[in-house]
Protein backbone atom coordinates (compact mmCIF):
# COMPACT_ATOMS: atom_id res chain seq x y z
CA UNK A 1 34.98 63.32 19.97
CA UNK A 2 32.22 62.92 17.45
CA UNK A 3 33.80 65.72 14.91
CA UNK A 4 36.09 62.88 13.88
CA UNK A 5 33.20 61.22 12.58
CA UNK A 6 32.10 63.86 10.55
CA UNK A 7 29.44 65.77 12.99
CA UNK A 8 29.79 69.64 12.61
CA UNK A 9 30.45 70.98 15.98
CA UNK A 10 28.82 74.30 17.44
CA UNK A 11 32.06 76.27 18.28
CA UNK A 12 34.74 75.44 15.99
CA UNK A 13 36.10 78.10 13.64
CA UNK A 14 33.79 76.56 11.19
CA UNK A 15 31.28 75.38 13.16
CA UNK A 16 27.57 75.88 13.12
CA UNK A 17 27.50 79.20 14.83
CA UNK A 18 29.80 80.54 12.21
CA UNK A 19 27.11 79.71 9.69
CA UNK A 20 23.83 80.32 11.71
CA UNK A 21 22.87 82.72 14.56
CA UNK A 22 22.19 81.06 17.45
CA UNK A 23 19.09 83.39 18.15
CA UNK A 24 17.79 82.25 14.53
CA UNK A 25 17.72 78.39 15.30
CA UNK A 26 17.67 77.90 18.99
CA UNK A 27 15.46 80.22 21.23
CA UNK A 28 11.76 80.01 21.82
CA UNK A 29 11.37 83.48 19.69
CA UNK A 30 12.75 81.71 16.64
CA UNK A 31 10.71 78.77 16.90
CA UNK A 32 7.76 81.17 16.96
CA UNK A 33 9.06 83.28 14.31
CA UNK A 34 10.16 80.81 12.07
CA UNK A 35 9.60 76.81 12.98
CA UNK A 36 10.28 75.97 9.13
CA UNK A 37 13.89 77.55 9.57
CA UNK A 38 14.51 75.71 12.94
CA UNK A 39 13.04 72.39 11.72
CA UNK A 40 15.25 72.77 8.97
CA UNK A 41 18.26 73.45 11.15
CA UNK A 42 17.47 70.37 13.48
CA UNK A 43 16.54 67.99 10.66
CA UNK A 44 19.86 68.58 8.88
CA UNK A 45 21.86 67.77 12.07
CA UNK A 46 19.59 64.68 12.75
CA UNK A 47 20.27 64.04 8.99
CA UNK A 48 23.96 64.24 9.69
CA UNK A 49 23.85 62.30 12.67
CA UNK A 50 22.23 59.66 11.18
CA UNK A 51 24.74 59.06 8.36
CA UNK A 52 27.84 59.33 10.61
CA UNK A 53 29.22 56.14 12.30
CA UNK A 54 30.99 55.76 15.53
CA UNK A 55 34.96 56.30 15.19
CA UNK A 56 37.69 54.74 16.98
CA UNK A 57 37.58 56.45 20.11
CA UNK A 58 33.82 55.83 20.51
CA UNK A 59 34.56 52.27 19.83
CA UNK A 60 37.69 51.95 22.37
CA UNK A 61 35.65 53.61 24.82
CA UNK A 62 33.13 50.68 24.84
CA UNK A 63 35.74 48.20 24.69
CA UNK A 64 37.13 49.73 27.90
CA UNK A 65 33.72 49.55 29.45
CA UNK A 66 34.29 45.86 28.95
CA UNK A 67 36.83 45.82 31.41
CA UNK A 68 36.43 48.88 33.85
CA UNK A 69 33.96 50.78 35.27
CA UNK A 70 33.47 53.37 32.60
CA UNK A 71 30.55 56.18 32.82
CA UNK A 72 30.55 58.78 29.64
CA UNK A 73 29.25 62.01 30.35
CA UNK A 74 29.02 63.86 27.22
CA UNK A 75 27.56 67.28 25.59
CA UNK A 76 27.63 65.66 22.10
CA UNK A 77 23.94 65.38 20.86
CA UNK A 78 24.53 62.26 18.92
CA UNK A 79 24.26 58.50 19.69
CA UNK A 80 27.69 57.31 18.63
CA UNK A 81 28.75 56.44 21.78
CA UNK A 82 25.68 54.09 22.29
CA UNK A 83 26.20 52.87 18.36
CA UNK A 84 29.43 51.92 19.41
CA UNK A 85 28.25 49.80 22.12
CA UNK A 86 28.66 51.91 25.30
CA UNK A 87 26.06 51.20 27.79
CA UNK A 88 26.99 53.77 30.59
CA UNK A 89 26.60 56.93 28.91
CA UNK A 90 24.75 60.23 29.34
CA UNK A 91 24.34 63.59 27.77
CA UNK A 92 24.30 66.87 29.53
CA UNK A 93 21.79 68.18 26.69
CA UNK A 94 18.33 67.53 25.28
CA UNK A 95 18.12 65.19 22.89
CA UNK A 96 16.63 66.03 19.66
CA UNK A 97 17.17 63.03 17.73
CA UNK A 98 13.88 61.67 18.13
CA UNK A 99 11.11 64.16 18.92
CA UNK A 100 10.89 67.81 18.04
CA UNK A 101 9.00 68.57 21.07
CA UNK A 102 12.07 67.95 23.28
CA UNK A 103 13.93 70.61 21.31
CA UNK A 104 11.25 73.10 22.53
CA UNK A 105 11.65 71.84 25.96
CA UNK A 106 15.42 72.01 25.85
CA UNK A 107 15.06 76.00 25.10
CA UNK A 108 13.16 76.43 28.27
CA UNK A 109 15.94 74.02 30.35
CA UNK A 110 18.48 76.31 29.61
C-alpha cells in the first residue's frame, strides 16, 4: 500500500533487494562487519518514509475506522496509516523509524 506513496518496497522488481544484498544490510553479521553501511541503508529508509505522505488508500482506511471496527495489520515498516489517522494499526515487523537499537533487536527476533 505504501509503494503508492513513493516508498520503495523490498521485493518488487526494482525493490531494495535488487539494489542491496540482504546479508549486507539486514543481518547481525552485517552490523558487525560494516555498521556504517547498515546505518546508511536504514537512515535512507527513514528519510524516505519521513518525506512520504499517506495516500488515498491510507486515508480511506482511516475514514472506515470512524464507521466500522477496523484493525489494520501490516508488514509495512512506515507510519503512514498512523499519519492518515488510523488508530488501530499494528505492524508485523520491528520498527526502526525511531531507534537504531530496535533494528538490532529485529535481527534476533527473525
